Amino acid sequence: MADIDSGSARPAPRKRADARRNEATLLDAAASAFIASGVDVPVRDIAARAGVGVGTIYRHFPTRADLIVAVYRHQVEACAEAGPALLASSATPHVALAQWIDLFVDFLVTKHGLAEALQSDNAAFQSLHAYFLDRLVPVCAQLLDAAATAGEIRSDLHAVEVLRGVGNLCIGADDPRYDARRMVGVLVAGLGVIVD
């Protein structure tokens, strides 16, 4: 066992840039396959979407649970990283918030494809909800604070409330008679400043 106090413990080696890109391509392909065909989609279909061999997928993700967890984390990270980038590049904080919520809706619709697997008793899935909250609540809070400070939205909103509201509006998004994105748009429009 390495002696942590002496500094002899080595951090895990970072993956090369091309290996990270290849893994991201695999995860994007798996997410698309999960949306189209469910999490039980054959691995060969995922490999074909990614343009790699089946062995490559198993080398990165030895079990289906490993792949599902990696897809979920990859999507959470993409959503989390988008918040500050949108805030820096958008015309206003409210525009950034609306665009980020739109990305969050995309994530939630994808997540619903993973919902059954994530509800299973597999230990690999148990920490994912806390991970989701730890990564996305602060990003949403930053966007809400920026928009409130700019006077574009009301200041009494909490990130968990907004995320839960959006999440609840996305339930049933697979019903063709229901437009979750339109309903989320109504919610975003309702975030405006209250005038006395």
Protein backbone atom coordinates (compact mmCIF):
# COMPACT_ATOMS: atom_id res chain seq x y z
CA MET A 1 0.00 0.00 0.00
CA ALA A 2 1.36 3.42 -0.93
CA ASP A 3 2.19 5.86 1.84
CA ILE A 4 -0.03 8.84 1.08
CA ASP A 5 1.67 11.09 3.62
CA SER A 6 5.06 10.60 2.00
CA GLY A 7 3.74 11.61 -1.40
CA SER A 8 4.65 8.27 -2.98
CA ALA A 9 1.10 7.57 -4.15
CA ARG A 10 0.78 8.23 -7.87
CA PRO A 11 -2.34 9.69 -9.39
CA ALA A 12 -4.10 7.62 -12.03
CA PRO A 13 -2.56 8.33 -15.43
CA ARG A 14 -4.55 10.71 -17.64
CA LYS A 15 -5.81 9.34 -20.89
CA ARG A 16 -4.30 10.69 -24.09
CA ALA A 17 -6.40 13.25 -25.96
CA ASP A 18 -7.19 10.80 -28.77
CA ALA A 19 -8.25 8.14 -26.25
CA ARG A 20 -10.59 10.66 -24.58
CA ARG A 21 -12.05 11.61 -27.98
CA ASN A 22 -12.55 7.94 -28.88
CA GLU A 23 -14.28 7.30 -25.56
CA ALA A 24 -16.51 10.36 -26.05
CA THR A 25 -17.46 9.08 -29.53
CA LEU A 26 -18.33 5.69 -28.03
CA LEU A 27 -20.43 7.29 -25.30
CA ASP A 28 -22.29 9.52 -27.77
CA ALA A 29 -22.99 6.50 -29.97
CA ALA A 30 -24.19 4.48 -26.98
CA ALA A 31 -26.48 7.32 -25.85
CA SER A 32 -28.01 7.54 -29.35
CA ALA A 33 -28.49 3.78 -29.45
CA PHE A 34 -30.09 3.79 -25.99
CA ILE A 35 -32.54 6.51 -27.07
CA ALA A 36 -33.42 4.69 -30.29
CA SER A 37 -33.58 1.11 -29.02
CA GLY A 38 -33.33 1.06 -25.23
CA VAL A 39 -30.44 0.05 -22.99
CA ASP A 40 -30.64 -3.57 -24.13
CA VAL A 41 -29.56 -2.61 -27.65
CA PRO A 42 -26.97 -5.10 -28.94
CA VAL A 43 -23.38 -4.00 -28.40
CA ARG A 44 -22.67 -4.60 -32.09
CA ASP A 45 -25.23 -1.87 -32.93
CA ILE A 46 -23.44 0.58 -30.63
CA ALA A 47 -20.10 -0.40 -32.15
CA ALA A 48 -21.45 0.17 -35.66
CA ARG A 49 -22.74 3.65 -34.69
CA ALA A 50 -19.34 4.49 -33.21
CA GLY A 51 -17.40 3.03 -36.13
CA VAL A 52 -15.41 0.66 -33.93
CA GLY A 53 -15.26 -3.05 -33.26
CA VAL A 54 -17.22 -4.74 -30.48
CA GLY A 55 -13.93 -5.54 -28.71
CA THR A 56 -13.18 -1.82 -28.40
CA ILE A 57 -16.39 -1.28 -26.47
CA TYR A 58 -15.68 -4.19 -24.12
CA ARG A 59 -12.13 -2.96 -23.62
CA HIS A 60 -13.48 0.40 -22.39
CA PHE A 61 -16.62 -0.92 -20.68
CA PRO A 62 -16.42 -4.57 -19.59
CA THR A 63 -20.12 -4.75 -18.61
CA ARG A 64 -23.33 -3.13 -19.84
CA ALA A 65 -23.68 -1.50 -16.41
CA ASP A 66 -20.25 0.11 -16.87
CA LEU A 67 -21.38 1.50 -20.23
CA ILE A 68 -24.71 2.81 -18.87
CA VAL A 69 -22.97 4.54 -15.95
CA ALA A 70 -20.37 6.05 -18.28
CA VAL A 71 -23.05 7.35 -20.68
CA TYR A 72 -24.97 8.93 -17.81
CA ARG A 73 -21.84 10.58 -16.35
CA HIS A 74 -20.74 11.77 -19.79
CA GLN A 75 -24.09 13.45 -20.36
CA VAL A 76 -24.10 15.02 -16.89
CA GLU A 77 -20.60 16.40 -17.50
CA ALA A 78 -21.57 17.84 -20.89
CA CYS A 79 -24.57 19.57 -19.31
CA ALA A 80 -22.49 20.86 -16.38
CA GLU A 81 -19.74 22.22 -18.63
CA ALA A 82 -22.26 23.94 -20.89
CA GLY A 83 -23.57 26.25 -18.15
CA PRO A 84 -20.49 28.44 -17.65
CA ALA A 85 -19.75 28.39 -21.39
CA LEU A 86 -23.26 29.61 -22.22
CA LEU A 87 -23.07 32.27 -19.52
CA ALA A 88 -19.82 33.57 -21.02
CA SER A 89 -21.03 33.55 -24.63
CA SER A 90 -24.73 34.45 -24.50
CA ALA A 91 -26.19 37.92 -24.98
CA THR A 92 -27.78 37.89 -21.52
CA PRO A 93 -27.81 35.60 -18.47
CA HIS A 94 -31.49 34.84 -19.16
CA VAL A 95 -30.65 33.66 -22.67
CA ALA A 96 -27.88 31.48 -21.21
CA LEU A 97 -30.31 30.06 -18.64
CA ALA A 98 -32.94 29.29 -21.28
CA GLN A 99 -30.37 27.61 -23.55
CA TRP A 100 -28.98 25.58 -20.64
CA ILE A 101 -32.46 24.46 -19.60
CA ASP A 102 -33.01 23.36 -23.20
CA LEU A 103 -29.85 21.22 -22.96
CA PHE A 104 -31.05 19.90 -19.62
CA VAL A 105 -34.32 18.84 -21.28
CA ASP A 106 -32.29 16.96 -23.91
CA PHE A 107 -30.41 15.23 -21.10
CA LEU A 108 -33.64 14.32 -19.28
CA VAL A 109 -35.27 12.91 -22.39
CA THR A 110 -32.16 10.76 -22.92
CA LYS A 111 -32.12 9.79 -19.25
CA HIS A 112 -35.67 8.50 -19.50
CA GLY A 113 -34.26 5.90 -21.87
CA LEU A 114 -31.92 4.86 -19.06
CA ALA A 115 -34.51 5.13 -16.30
CA GLU A 116 -35.38 1.45 -16.04
CA ALA A 117 -31.75 0.40 -15.86
CA LEU A 118 -30.97 3.13 -13.33
CA GLN A 119 -33.81 1.89 -11.10
CA SER A 120 -32.31 -1.60 -10.88
CA ASP A 121 -30.51 -2.95 -7.84
CA ASN A 122 -27.11 -2.79 -9.54
CA ALA A 123 -24.69 -1.13 -7.11
CA ALA A 124 -23.00 0.73 -9.99
CA PHE A 125 -26.13 2.89 -10.36
CA GLN A 126 -26.67 3.83 -6.70
CA SER A 127 -24.43 6.90 -6.56
CA LEU A 128 -25.60 8.42 -9.85
CA HIS A 129 -28.44 10.53 -8.45
CA ALA A 130 -26.11 12.21 -5.93
CA TYR A 131 -23.56 12.74 -8.73
CA PHE A 132 -26.29 14.33 -10.87
CA LEU A 133 -27.26 16.74 -8.07
CA ASP A 134 -23.66 17.53 -7.11
CA ARG A 135 -22.78 18.51 -10.68
CA LEU A 136 -25.96 20.18 -11.99
CA VAL A 137 -27.48 22.03 -9.02
CA PRO A 138 -24.50 24.43 -8.70
CA VAL A 139 -24.54 25.13 -12.46
CA CYS A 140 -28.25 25.90 -12.41
CA ALA A 141 -27.77 28.07 -9.30
CA GLN A 142 -25.00 30.05 -11.04
CA LEU A 143 -27.23 30.70 -14.05
CA LEU A 144 -30.22 31.65 -11.89
CA ASP A 145 -28.07 34.00 -9.77
CA ALA A 146 -26.64 35.71 -12.86
CA ALA A 147 -30.09 36.21 -14.39
CA ALA A 148 -31.54 37.46 -11.08
CA THR A 149 -28.62 39.86 -10.57
CA ALA A 150 -29.23 41.22 -14.08
CA GLY A 151 -32.87 41.80 -13.10
CA GLU A 152 -34.10 39.38 -15.77
CA ILE A 153 -35.80 36.86 -13.50
CA ARG A 154 -37.21 36.78 -10.01
CA SER A 155 -34.65 36.33 -7.24
CA ASP A 156 -36.52 33.87 -5.01
CA LEU A 157 -35.90 30.77 -7.13
CA HIS A 158 -33.81 27.81 -6.01
CA ALA A 159 -31.94 25.57 -8.43
CA VAL A 160 -33.43 22.35 -7.04
CA GLU A 161 -36.95 23.74 -7.54
CA VAL A 162 -36.26 24.69 -11.14
CA LEU A 163 -34.54 21.39 -11.96
CA ARG A 164 -37.35 19.39 -10.36
CA GLY A 165 -39.98 21.47 -12.18
CA VAL A 166 -38.28 20.90 -15.52
CA GLY A 167 -37.86 17.22 -14.71
CA ASN A 168 -41.52 16.81 -13.86
CA LEU A 169 -42.53 18.54 -17.10
CA CYS A 170 -40.40 16.04 -19.03
CA ILE A 171 -42.26 13.02 -17.67
CA GLY A 172 -44.27 11.57 -20.51
CA ALA A 173 -42.11 13.20 -23.19
CA ASP A 174 -42.45 10.03 -25.28
CA ASP A 175 -46.23 10.65 -25.66
CA PRO A 176 -46.78 12.24 -29.10
CA ARG A 177 -49.77 14.21 -27.71
CA TYR A 178 -47.52 16.00 -25.19
CA ASP A 179 -44.83 18.56 -26.01
CA ALA A 180 -42.52 18.64 -23.00
CA ARG A 181 -40.24 21.23 -24.57
CA ARG A 182 -43.16 23.64 -25.09
CA MET A 183 -44.24 23.21 -21.47
CA VAL A 184 -40.69 23.83 -20.27
CA GLY A 185 -40.70 26.98 -22.42
CA VAL A 186 -43.78 28.14 -20.51
CA LEU A 187 -41.94 27.50 -17.25
CA VAL A 188 -38.87 29.46 -18.43
CA ALA A 189 -41.08 32.36 -19.53
CA GLY A 190 -42.67 32.32 -16.08
CA LEU A 191 -39.33 32.87 -14.33
CA GLY A 192 -39.62 36.58 -15.07
CA VAL A 193 -39.45 39.35 -12.52
CA ILE A 194 -42.58 39.83 -10.41
CA VAL A 195 -43.92 43.36 -10.72
CA ASP A 196 -45.91 44.66 -7.72
